[in-house]
Amino acid sequence: MSSYAGGRAEALPWGLVLVEGIVATVFGLTLLVAPGASLFFLVLLLGIYLLVAGIFRIIGIFLDSSS
């Protein structure tokens, strides 16, 4: 079991849990109603994330002063 906030088990505020539940419900309904559009959005989001992460890793190679 992992703990939150670097080793301190802190409860999340109820408002944040409520927002997370609403977002998860809306996203789940969207996946059920329009799976094609949802899949396209997820693939697009994943592609953008991987592109940005790759760019930062390449930059990090040249900025790493430990080696």
PDB file of N, CA and C in Angstrom:
ATOM      1  N   MET A   1       0.842  -1.172   0.000  1.00  0.00           N
ATOM      2  CA  MET A   1       0.000   0.000   0.000  1.00  0.00           C
ATOM      3  C   MET A   1       0.888   1.236   0.000  1.00  0.00           C
ATOM      4  N   SER A   2       0.681   2.121  -0.923  1.00  0.00           N
ATOM      5  CA  SER A   2       1.492   3.326  -0.982  1.00  0.00           C
ATOM      6  C   SER A   2       0.852   4.431  -0.168  1.00  0.00           C
ATOM      7  N   SER A   3       1.682   5.326   0.308  1.00  0.00           N
ATOM      8  CA  SER A   3       1.153   6.435   1.096  1.00  0.00           C
ATOM      9  C   SER A   3       1.279   7.729   0.310  1.00  0.00           C
ATOM     10  N   TYR A   4       0.502   8.688   0.693  1.00  0.00           N
ATOM     11  CA  TYR A   4       0.390   9.956  -0.014  1.00  0.00           C
ATOM     12  C   TYR A   4       1.275  10.995   0.651  1.00  0.00           C
ATOM     13  N   ALA A   5       1.834  11.899  -0.113  1.00  0.00           N
ATOM     14  CA  ALA A   5       2.607  13.047   0.382  1.00  0.00           C
ATOM     15  C   ALA A   5       3.907  12.630   1.059  1.00  0.00           C
ATOM     16  N   GLY A   6       4.647  11.784   0.421  1.00  0.00           N
ATOM     17  CA  GLY A   6       5.987  11.464   0.886  1.00  0.00           C
ATOM     18  C   GLY A   6       6.052  10.749   2.218  1.00  0.00           C
ATOM     19  N   GLY A   7       5.196   9.803   2.451  1.00  0.00           N
ATOM     20  CA  GLY A   7       5.274   9.023   3.670  1.00  0.00           C
ATOM     21  C   GLY A   7       4.238   9.390   4.714  1.00  0.00           C
ATOM     22  N   ARG A   8       3.613  10.541   4.580  1.00  0.00           N
ATOM     23  CA  ARG A   8       2.574  10.925   5.533  1.00  0.00           C
ATOM     24  C   ARG A   8       1.217  10.574   4.948  1.00  0.00           C
ATOM     25  N   ALA A   9       0.456   9.779   5.650  1.00  0.00           N
ATOM     26  CA  ALA A   9      -0.866   9.391   5.180  1.00  0.00           C
ATOM     27  C   ALA A   9      -1.850  10.506   5.533  1.00  0.00           C
ATOM     28  N   GLU A  10      -2.194  11.326   4.537  1.00  0.00           N
ATOM     29  CA  GLU A  10      -3.122  12.426   4.753  1.00  0.00           C
ATOM     30  C   GLU A  10      -4.376  12.191   3.930  1.00  0.00           C
ATOM     31  N   ALA A  11      -5.514  12.489   4.510  1.00  0.00           N
ATOM     32  CA  ALA A  11      -6.764  12.338   3.784  1.00  0.00           C
ATOM     33  C   ALA A  11      -6.952  13.518   2.843  1.00  0.00           C
ATOM     34  N   LEU A  12      -7.505  13.235   1.679  1.00  0.00           N
ATOM     35  CA  LEU A  12      -7.790  14.292   0.727  1.00  0.00           C
ATOM     36  C   LEU A  12      -9.046  15.038   1.155  1.00  0.00           C
ATOM     37  N   PRO A  13      -9.124  16.327   0.851  1.00  0.00           N
ATOM     38  CA  PRO A  13     -10.342  17.080   1.183  1.00  0.00           C
ATOM     39  C   PRO A  13     -11.546  16.496   0.447  1.00  0.00           C
ATOM     40  N   TRP A  14     -12.721  16.539   1.081  1.00  0.00           N
ATOM     41  CA  TRP A  14     -13.903  15.927   0.493  1.00  0.00           C
ATOM     42  C   TRP A  14     -14.278  16.582  -0.832  1.00  0.00           C
ATOM     43  N   GLY A  15     -13.988  17.848  -1.008  1.00  0.00           N
ATOM     44  CA  GLY A  15     -14.309  18.535  -2.257  1.00  0.00           C
ATOM     45  C   GLY A  15     -13.512  17.978  -3.425  1.00  0.00           C
ATOM     46  N   LEU A  16     -12.260  17.658  -3.147  1.00  0.00           N
ATOM     47  CA  LEU A  16     -11.404  17.087  -4.191  1.00  0.00           C
ATOM     48  C   LEU A  16     -11.869  15.685  -4.566  1.00  0.00           C
ATOM     49  N   VAL A  17     -12.285  14.917  -3.575  1.00  0.00           N
ATOM     50  CA  VAL A  17     -12.805  13.582  -3.837  1.00  0.00           C
ATOM     51  C   VAL A  17     -14.105  13.673  -4.643  1.00  0.00           C
ATOM     52  N   LEU A  18     -14.945  14.656  -4.331  1.00  0.00           N
ATOM     53  CA  LEU A  18     -16.186  14.859  -5.070  1.00  0.00           C
ATOM     54  C   LEU A  18     -15.917  15.219  -6.525  1.00  0.00           C
ATOM     55  N   VAL A  19     -14.995  16.134  -6.757  1.00  0.00           N
ATOM     56  CA  VAL A  19     -14.645  16.519  -8.129  1.00  0.00           C
ATOM     57  C   VAL A  19     -14.080  15.333  -8.883  1.00  0.00           C
ATOM     58  N   GLU A  20     -13.217  14.548  -8.239  1.00  0.00           N
ATOM     59  CA  GLU A  20     -12.646  13.372  -8.889  1.00  0.00           C
ATOM     60  C   GLU A  20     -13.740  12.371  -9.264  1.00  0.00           C
ATOM     61  N   GLY A  21     -14.702  12.179  -8.387  1.00  0.00           N
ATOM     62  CA  GLY A  21     -15.810  11.268  -8.672  1.00  0.00           C
ATOM     63  C   GLY A  21     -16.671  11.746  -9.827  1.00  0.00           C
ATOM     64  N   ILE A  22     -16.940  13.052  -9.876  1.00  0.00           N
ATOM     65  CA  ILE A  22     -17.743  13.608 -10.961  1.00  0.00           C
ATOM     66  C   ILE A  22     -17.013  13.470 -12.290  1.00  0.00           C
ATOM     67  N   VAL A  23     -15.721  13.796 -12.302  1.00  0.00           N
ATOM     68  CA  VAL A  23     -14.934  13.696 -13.537  1.00  0.00           C
ATOM     69  C   VAL A  23     -14.867  12.243 -14.001  1.00  0.00           C
ATOM     70  N   ALA A  24     -14.655  11.315 -13.089  1.00  0.00           N
ATOM     71  CA  ALA A  24     -14.591   9.899 -13.459  1.00  0.00           C
ATOM     72  C   ALA A  24     -15.928   9.414 -14.008  1.00  0.00           C
ATOM     73  N   THR A  25     -17.029   9.864 -13.426  1.00  0.00           N
ATOM     74  CA  THR A  25     -18.351   9.475 -13.903  1.00  0.00           C
ATOM     75  C   THR A  25     -18.622  10.017 -15.295  1.00  0.00           C
ATOM     76  N   VAL A  26     -18.318  11.292 -15.504  1.00  0.00           N
ATOM     77  CA  VAL A  26     -18.530  11.896 -16.823  1.00  0.00           C
ATOM     78  C   VAL A  26     -17.651  11.205 -17.864  1.00  0.00           C
ATOM     79  N   PHE A  27     -16.411  10.934 -17.517  1.00  0.00           N
ATOM     80  CA  PHE A  27     -15.506  10.277 -18.461  1.00  0.00           C
ATOM     81  C   PHE A  27     -15.978   8.858 -18.756  1.00  0.00           C
ATOM     82  N   GLY A  28     -16.448   8.144 -17.757  1.00  0.00           N
ATOM     83  CA  GLY A  28     -16.967   6.796 -17.967  1.00  0.00           C
ATOM     84  C   GLY A  28     -18.194   6.793 -18.863  1.00  0.00           C
ATOM     85  N   LEU A  29     -19.109   7.738 -18.662  1.00  0.00           N
ATOM     86  CA  LEU A  29     -20.287   7.843 -19.523  1.00  0.00           C
ATOM     87  C   LEU A  29     -19.890   8.186 -20.956  1.00  0.00           C
ATOM     88  N   THR A  30     -18.890   9.059 -21.104  1.00  0.00           N
ATOM     89  CA  THR A  30     -18.413   9.410 -22.433  1.00  0.00           C
ATOM     90  C   THR A  30     -17.832   8.192 -23.138  1.00  0.00           C
ATOM     91  N   LEU A  31     -17.091   7.367 -22.411  1.00  0.00           N
ATOM     92  CA  LEU A  31     -16.536   6.146 -22.998  1.00  0.00           C
ATOM     93  C   LEU A  31     -17.639   5.184 -23.434  1.00  0.00           C
ATOM     94  N   LEU A  32     -18.721   5.129 -22.662  1.00  0.00           N
ATOM     95  CA  LEU A  32     -19.817   4.233 -23.022  1.00  0.00           C
ATOM     96  C   LEU A  32     -20.624   4.758 -24.206  1.00  0.00           C
ATOM     97  N   VAL A  33     -20.840   6.072 -24.262  1.00  0.00           N
ATOM     98  CA  VAL A  33     -21.687   6.655 -25.293  1.00  0.00           C
ATOM     99  C   VAL A  33     -20.942   6.811 -26.619  1.00  0.00           C
ATOM    100  N   ALA A  34     -19.716   7.298 -26.562  1.00  0.00           N
ATOM    101  CA  ALA A  34     -18.955   7.562 -27.787  1.00  0.00           C
ATOM    102  C   ALA A  34     -17.549   6.976 -27.667  1.00  0.00           C
ATOM    103  N   PRO A  35     -17.417   5.677 -27.798  1.00  0.00           N
ATOM    104  CA  PRO A  35     -16.093   5.067 -27.602  1.00  0.00           C
ATOM    105  C   PRO A  35     -15.068   5.486 -28.649  1.00  0.00           C
ATOM    106  N   GLY A  36     -15.484   5.731 -29.873  1.00  0.00           N
ATOM    107  CA  GLY A  36     -14.541   6.123 -30.924  1.00  0.00           C
ATOM    108  C   GLY A  36     -13.914   7.474 -30.645  1.00  0.00           C
ATOM    109  N   ALA A  37     -14.742   8.453 -30.316  1.00  0.00           N
ATOM    110  CA  ALA A  37     -14.240   9.797 -30.023  1.00  0.00           C
ATOM    111  C   ALA A  37     -13.382   9.790 -28.757  1.00  0.00           C
ATOM    112  N   SER A  38     -13.793   9.003 -27.773  1.00  0.00           N
ATOM    113  CA  SER A  38     -13.020   8.925 -26.534  1.00  0.00           C
ATOM    114  C   SER A  38     -11.658   8.297 -26.778  1.00  0.00           C
ATOM    115  N   LEU A  39     -11.631   7.267 -27.592  1.00  0.00           N
ATOM    116  CA  LEU A  39     -10.364   6.610 -27.907  1.00  0.00           C
ATOM    117  C   LEU A  39      -9.442   7.562 -28.652  1.00  0.00           C
ATOM    118  N   PHE A  40      -9.982   8.303 -29.601  1.00  0.00           N
ATOM    119  CA  PHE A  40      -9.181   9.281 -30.334  1.00  0.00           C
ATOM    120  C   PHE A  40      -8.591  10.313 -29.387  1.00  0.00           C
ATOM    121  N   PHE A  41      -9.390  10.814 -28.439  1.00  0.00           N
ATOM    122  CA  PHE A  41      -8.918  11.804 -27.472  1.00  0.00           C
ATOM    123  C   PHE A  41      -7.820  11.230 -26.588  1.00  0.00           C
ATOM    124  N   LEU A  42      -7.997   9.995 -26.122  1.00  0.00           N
ATOM    125  CA  LEU A  42      -6.984   9.383 -25.258  1.00  0.00           C
ATOM    126  C   LEU A  42      -5.674   9.156 -26.002  1.00  0.00           C
ATOM    127  N   VAL A  43      -5.756   8.717 -27.253  1.00  0.00           N
ATOM    128  CA  VAL A  43      -4.540   8.501 -28.043  1.00  0.00           C
ATOM    129  C   VAL A  43      -3.843   9.829 -28.306  1.00  0.00           C
ATOM    130  N   LEU A  44      -4.609  10.874 -28.592  1.00  0.00           N
ATOM    131  CA  LEU A  44      -4.034  12.197 -28.801  1.00  0.00           C
ATOM    132  C   LEU A  44      -3.349  12.710 -27.532  1.00  0.00           C
ATOM    133  N   LEU A  45      -4.013  12.546 -26.401  1.00  0.00           N
ATOM    134  CA  LEU A  45      -3.445  12.985 -25.124  1.00  0.00           C
ATOM    135  C   LEU A  45      -2.176  12.206 -24.798  1.00  0.00           C
ATOM    136  N   LEU A  46      -2.189  10.902 -25.020  1.00  0.00           N
ATOM    137  CA  LEU A  46      -1.006  10.079 -24.764  1.00  0.00           C
ATOM    138  C   LEU A  46       0.142  10.473 -25.689  1.00  0.00           C
ATOM    139  N   GLY A  47      -0.160  10.749 -26.951  1.00  0.00           N
ATOM    140  CA  GLY A  47       0.870  11.167 -27.891  1.00  0.00           C
ATOM    141  C   GLY A  47       1.527  12.475 -27.492  1.00  0.00           C
ATOM    142  N   ILE A  48       0.728  13.440 -27.063  1.00  0.00           N
ATOM    143  CA  ILE A  48       1.276  14.727 -26.616  1.00  0.00           C
ATOM    144  C   ILE A  48       2.146  14.530 -25.384  1.00  0.00           C
ATOM    145  N   TYR A  49       1.669  13.705 -24.443  1.00  0.00           N
ATOM    146  CA  TYR A  49       2.435  13.445 -23.223  1.00  0.00           C
ATOM    147  C   TYR A  49       3.790  12.803 -23.557  1.00  0.00           C
ATOM    148  N   LEU A  50       3.778  11.790 -24.411  1.00  0.00           N
ATOM    149  CA  LEU A  50       5.026  11.107 -24.751  1.00  0.00           C
ATOM    150  C   LEU A  50       5.979  12.020 -25.510  1.00  0.00           C
ATOM    151  N   LEU A  51       5.459  12.867 -26.374  1.00  0.00           N
ATOM    152  CA  LEU A  51       6.302  13.811 -27.103  1.00  0.00           C
ATOM    153  C   LEU A  51       6.991  14.782 -26.145  1.00  0.00           C
ATOM    154  N   VAL A  52       6.233  15.360 -25.238  1.00  0.00           N
ATOM    155  CA  VAL A  52       6.804  16.315 -24.279  1.00  0.00           C
ATOM    156  C   VAL A  52       7.789  15.613 -23.343  1.00  0.00           C
ATOM    157  N   ALA A  53       7.432  14.413 -22.858  1.00  0.00           N
ATOM    158  CA  ALA A  53       8.331  13.677 -21.967  1.00  0.00           C
ATOM    159  C   ALA A  53       9.627  13.315 -22.675  1.00  0.00           C
ATOM    160  N   GLY A  54       9.542  12.937 -23.934  1.00  0.00           N
ATOM    161  CA  GLY A  54      10.740  12.599 -24.699  1.00  0.00           C
ATOM    162  C   GLY A  54      11.645  13.800 -24.904  1.00  0.00           C
ATOM    163  N   ILE A  55      11.050  14.947 -25.208  1.00  0.00           N
ATOM    164  CA  ILE A  55      11.836  16.168 -25.387  1.00  0.00           C
ATOM    165  C   ILE A  55      12.567  16.526 -24.100  1.00  0.00           C
ATOM    166  N   PHE A  56      11.870  16.444 -22.978  1.00  0.00           N
ATOM    167  CA  PHE A  56      12.518  16.779 -21.708  1.00  0.00           C
ATOM    168  C   PHE A  56      13.599  15.765 -21.338  1.00  0.00           C
ATOM    169  N   ARG A  57      13.426  14.501 -21.691  1.00  0.00           N
ATOM    170  CA  ARG A  57      14.481  13.512 -21.419  1.00  0.00           C
ATOM    171  C   ARG A  57      15.716  13.783 -22.259  1.00  0.00           C
ATOM    172  N   ILE A  58      15.519  14.133 -23.517  1.00  0.00           N
ATOM    173  CA  ILE A  58      16.661  14.437 -24.372  1.00  0.00           C
ATOM    174  C   ILE A  58      17.390  15.671 -23.864  1.00  0.00           C
ATOM    175  N   ILE A  59      16.658  16.700 -23.477  1.00  0.00           N
ATOM    176  CA  ILE A  59      17.281  17.903 -22.917  1.00  0.00           C
ATOM    177  C   ILE A  59      17.994  17.558 -21.622  1.00  0.00           C
ATOM    178  N   GLY A  60      17.379  16.668 -20.808  1.00  0.00           N
ATOM    179  CA  GLY A  60      17.993  16.287 -19.541  1.00  0.00           C
ATOM    180  C   GLY A  60      19.319  15.566 -19.708  1.00  0.00           C
ATOM    181  N   ILE A  61      19.474  14.848 -20.803  1.00  0.00           N
ATOM    182  CA  ILE A  61      20.744  14.166 -21.065  1.00  0.00           C
ATOM    183  C   ILE A  61      21.879  15.178 -21.190  1.00  0.00           C
ATOM    184  N   PHE A  62      21.619  16.252 -21.906  1.00  0.00           N
ATOM    185  CA  PHE A  62      22.659  17.243 -22.129  1.00  0.00           C
ATOM    186  C   PHE A  62      22.873  18.167 -20.936  1.00  0.00           C
ATOM    187  N   LEU A  63      21.887  18.301 -20.078  1.00  0.00           N
ATOM    188  CA  LEU A  63      22.002  19.168 -18.913  1.00  0.00           C
ATOM    189  C   LEU A  63      22.482  18.429 -17.668  1.00  0.00           C
ATOM    190  N   ASP A  64      22.580  17.107 -17.738  1.00  0.00           N
ATOM    191  CA  ASP A  64      22.993  16.304 -16.579  1.00  0.00           C
ATOM    192  C   ASP A  64      24.478  16.522 -16.315  1.00  0.00           C
ATOM    193  N   SER A  65      24.784  17.090 -15.163  1.00  0.00           N
ATOM    194  CA  SER A  65      26.181  17.406 -14.837  1.00  0.00           C
ATOM    195  C   SER A  65      26.824  16.348 -13.949  1.00  0.00           C
ATOM    196  N   SER A  66      26.113  15.265 -13.618  1.00  0.00           N
ATOM    197  CA  SER A  66      26.673  14.254 -12.726  1.00  0.00           C
ATOM    198  C   SER A  66      27.631  13.305 -13.434  1.00  0.00           C
ATOM    199  N   SER A  67      27.602  13.238 -14.752  1.00  0.00           N
ATOM    200  CA  SER A  67      28.473  12.279 -15.443  1.00  0.00           C
ATOM    201  C   SER A  67      29.627  12.974 -16.130  1.00  0.00           C
TER     202      SER A  67
END
